[in-house]
Amino acid sequence: MKLRSENVPDAVVLLFPMVETWGIGDDYDRERKVADASDVELLELVRCLDDIDENVLFEWLEGPESHDSNPSDEYVAFTCFTMAIESAKVKIKDRGLANRA
């Protein structure tokens, strides 16, 4: 899927490559990708939020579109992307990499 910048806050557009990779809608497939990721990939995934204002991202995700019965593809992809980040944090801890995150 090709994400459209007009459907997201400007501050998060630079995350598109990561969202296109990790914003997998199917829970099983997303968790499998996280489980199979290398240490470097997991660390990159978690660290990618360092380059943006997370408040902008989460205010958007918690905003009016969160109540929409038909959210945009971008909204769904970013939501799934944040789920992948949370899973990656667990894997990083499990792998003993927390001091590198």
C-alpha atoms as a PDB file:
ATOM      1  CA  MET A   1       0.000   0.000   0.000  1.00  0.00           C
ATOM      2  CA  LYS A   2       1.193   3.465  -0.853  1.00  0.00           C
ATOM      3  CA  LEU A   3       0.661   5.855   2.042  1.00  0.00           C
ATOM      4  CA  ARG A   4      -0.672   9.336   1.253  1.00  0.00           C
ATOM      5  CA  SER A   5       0.899  12.254   3.075  1.00  0.00           C
ATOM      6  CA  GLU A   6      -2.294  14.316   2.978  1.00  0.00           C
ATOM      7  CA  ASN A   7      -3.870  11.860   5.431  1.00  0.00           C
ATOM      8  CA  VAL A   8      -1.278  12.242   8.203  1.00  0.00           C
ATOM      9  CA  PRO A   9       0.248  15.093  10.199  1.00  0.00           C
ATOM     10  CA  ASP A  10       3.263  16.599   8.417  1.00  0.00           C
ATOM     11  CA  ALA A  11       5.526  15.744  11.356  1.00  0.00           C
ATOM     12  CA  VAL A  12       5.109  11.981  10.832  1.00  0.00           C
ATOM     13  CA  VAL A  13       5.541  11.731   7.056  1.00  0.00           C
ATOM     14  CA  LEU A  14       9.219  10.875   7.450  1.00  0.00           C
ATOM     15  CA  LEU A  15       8.131   7.641   9.155  1.00  0.00           C
ATOM     16  CA  PHE A  16       6.478   6.330   5.962  1.00  0.00           C
ATOM     17  CA  PRO A  17       9.267   3.854   5.096  1.00  0.00           C
ATOM     18  CA  MET A  18       9.098   2.307   8.570  1.00  0.00           C
ATOM     19  CA  VAL A  19       5.298   2.294   8.602  1.00  0.00           C
ATOM     20  CA  GLU A  20       5.179   0.635   5.190  1.00  0.00           C
ATOM     21  CA  THR A  21       7.490  -2.080   6.530  1.00  0.00           C
ATOM     22  CA  TRP A  22       6.078  -2.582  10.028  1.00  0.00           C
ATOM     23  CA  GLY A  23       2.475  -1.323   9.868  1.00  0.00           C
ATOM     24  CA  ILE A  24       1.114  -4.775   9.105  1.00  0.00           C
ATOM     25  CA  GLY A  25      -2.614  -5.107   9.684  1.00  0.00           C
ATOM     26  CA  ASP A  26      -2.698  -8.805  10.453  1.00  0.00           C
ATOM     27  CA  ASP A  27      -1.689  -9.406  14.078  1.00  0.00           C
ATOM     28  CA  TYR A  28      -0.100 -12.787  13.403  1.00  0.00           C
ATOM     29  CA  ASP A  29       1.918 -11.551  10.431  1.00  0.00           C
ATOM     30  CA  ARG A  30       3.062  -8.441  12.303  1.00  0.00           C
ATOM     31  CA  GLU A  31       4.135 -10.422  15.362  1.00  0.00           C
ATOM     32  CA  ARG A  32       5.915 -12.971  13.170  1.00  0.00           C
ATOM     33  CA  LYS A  33       7.852 -10.174  11.438  1.00  0.00           C
ATOM     34  CA  VAL A  34       8.876  -8.717  14.798  1.00  0.00           C
ATOM     35  CA  ALA A  35       9.877 -12.147  16.123  1.00  0.00           C
ATOM     36  CA  ASP A  36      11.976 -12.829  13.026  1.00  0.00           C
ATOM     37  CA  ALA A  37      13.637  -9.394  13.001  1.00  0.00           C
ATOM     38  CA  SER A  38      17.329  -9.035  13.682  1.00  0.00           C
ATOM     39  CA  ASP A  39      18.554  -7.180  16.743  1.00  0.00           C
ATOM     40  CA  VAL A  40      19.527  -4.250  14.530  1.00  0.00           C
ATOM     41  CA  GLU A  41      16.085  -4.122  12.916  1.00  0.00           C
ATOM     42  CA  LEU A  42      14.344  -4.135  16.284  1.00  0.00           C
ATOM     43  CA  LEU A  43      16.556  -1.365  17.622  1.00  0.00           C
ATOM     44  CA  GLU A  44      16.004   0.719  14.464  1.00  0.00           C
ATOM     45  CA  LEU A  45      12.260   0.232  14.764  1.00  0.00           C
ATOM     46  CA  VAL A  46      12.140   1.423  18.360  1.00  0.00           C
ATOM     47  CA  ARG A  47      14.556   4.291  17.755  1.00  0.00           C
ATOM     48  CA  CYS A  48      12.760   5.649  14.681  1.00  0.00           C
ATOM     49  CA  LEU A  49      10.429   7.637  16.918  1.00  0.00           C
ATOM     50  CA  ASP A  50      13.437   9.577  18.231  1.00  0.00           C
ATOM     51  CA  ASP A  51      13.303  11.665  15.039  1.00  0.00           C
ATOM     52  CA  ILE A  52       9.765  12.944  15.474  1.00  0.00           C
ATOM     53  CA  ASP A  53       7.579  14.679  18.021  1.00  0.00           C
ATOM     54  CA  GLU A  54       5.754  11.672  19.453  1.00  0.00           C
ATOM     55  CA  ASN A  55       3.049  13.966  20.854  1.00  0.00           C
ATOM     56  CA  VAL A  56       1.975  14.809  17.304  1.00  0.00           C
ATOM     57  CA  LEU A  57       1.752  11.131  16.377  1.00  0.00           C
ATOM     58  CA  PHE A  58      -0.198  10.036  19.442  1.00  0.00           C
ATOM     59  CA  GLU A  59      -2.481  13.082  19.498  1.00  0.00           C
ATOM     60  CA  TRP A  60      -3.452  12.195  15.931  1.00  0.00           C
ATOM     61  CA  LEU A  61      -3.938   8.504  16.760  1.00  0.00           C
ATOM     62  CA  GLU A  62      -6.040   9.414  19.815  1.00  0.00           C
ATOM     63  CA  GLY A  63      -7.987  12.104  17.961  1.00  0.00           C
ATOM     64  CA  PRO A  64     -11.291  12.065  16.081  1.00  0.00           C
ATOM     65  CA  GLU A  65     -10.213   9.406  13.591  1.00  0.00           C
ATOM     66  CA  SER A  66      -9.887   6.939  16.470  1.00  0.00           C
ATOM     67  CA  HIS A  67     -13.700   6.995  16.674  1.00  0.00           C
ATOM     68  CA  ASP A  68     -14.242   6.711  12.916  1.00  0.00           C
ATOM     69  CA  SER A  69     -15.789   3.422  11.811  1.00  0.00           C
ATOM     70  CA  ASN A  70     -13.868   3.736   8.538  1.00  0.00           C
ATOM     71  CA  PRO A  71     -10.429   5.217   9.338  1.00  0.00           C
ATOM     72  CA  SER A  72      -7.947   5.970   6.595  1.00  0.00           C
ATOM     73  CA  ASP A  73      -5.469   3.344   5.467  1.00  0.00           C
ATOM     74  CA  GLU A  74      -2.756   5.570   6.873  1.00  0.00           C
ATOM     75  CA  TYR A  75      -4.403   5.691  10.289  1.00  0.00           C
ATOM     76  CA  VAL A  76      -4.652   1.901  10.399  1.00  0.00           C
ATOM     77  CA  ALA A  77      -1.060   1.452   9.191  1.00  0.00           C
ATOM     78  CA  PHE A  78       0.317   3.875  11.791  1.00  0.00           C
ATOM     79  CA  THR A  79      -1.709   2.192  14.531  1.00  0.00           C
ATOM     80  CA  CYS A  80      -0.317  -1.213  13.542  1.00  0.00           C
ATOM     81  CA  PHE A  81       3.152   0.324  13.333  1.00  0.00           C
ATOM     82  CA  THR A  82       2.903   1.479  16.959  1.00  0.00           C
ATOM     83  CA  MET A  83       1.843  -2.055  17.926  1.00  0.00           C
ATOM     84  CA  ALA A  84       4.966  -3.379  16.197  1.00  0.00           C
ATOM     85  CA  ILE A  85       7.079  -0.923  18.186  1.00  0.00           C
ATOM     86  CA  GLU A  86       5.570  -2.135  21.455  1.00  0.00           C
ATOM     87  CA  SER A  87       6.245  -5.755  20.469  1.00  0.00           C
ATOM     88  CA  ALA A  88       9.789  -4.841  19.480  1.00  0.00           C
ATOM     89  CA  LYS A  89      10.376  -3.317  22.924  1.00  0.00           C
ATOM     90  CA  VAL A  90       9.437  -6.647  24.509  1.00  0.00           C
ATOM     91  CA  LYS A  91      11.736  -8.565  22.135  1.00  0.00           C
ATOM     92  CA  ILE A  92      14.586  -6.160  22.866  1.00  0.00           C
ATOM     93  CA  LYS A  93      14.161  -6.787  26.584  1.00  0.00           C
ATOM     94  CA  ASP A  94      13.865 -10.556  26.064  1.00  0.00           C
ATOM     95  CA  ARG A  95      17.057 -10.571  24.002  1.00  0.00           C
ATOM     96  CA  GLY A  96      18.971  -8.609  26.623  1.00  0.00           C
ATOM     97  CA  LEU A  97      19.362  -5.572  24.384  1.00  0.00           C
ATOM     98  CA  ALA A  98      17.590  -3.065  26.590  1.00  0.00           C
ATOM     99  CA  ASN A  99      20.831  -1.234  27.371  1.00  0.00           C
ATOM    100  CA  ARG A 100      21.317  -0.663  23.618  1.00  0.00           C
ATOM    101  CA  ALA A 101      17.823   0.698  22.941  1.00  0.00           C
END
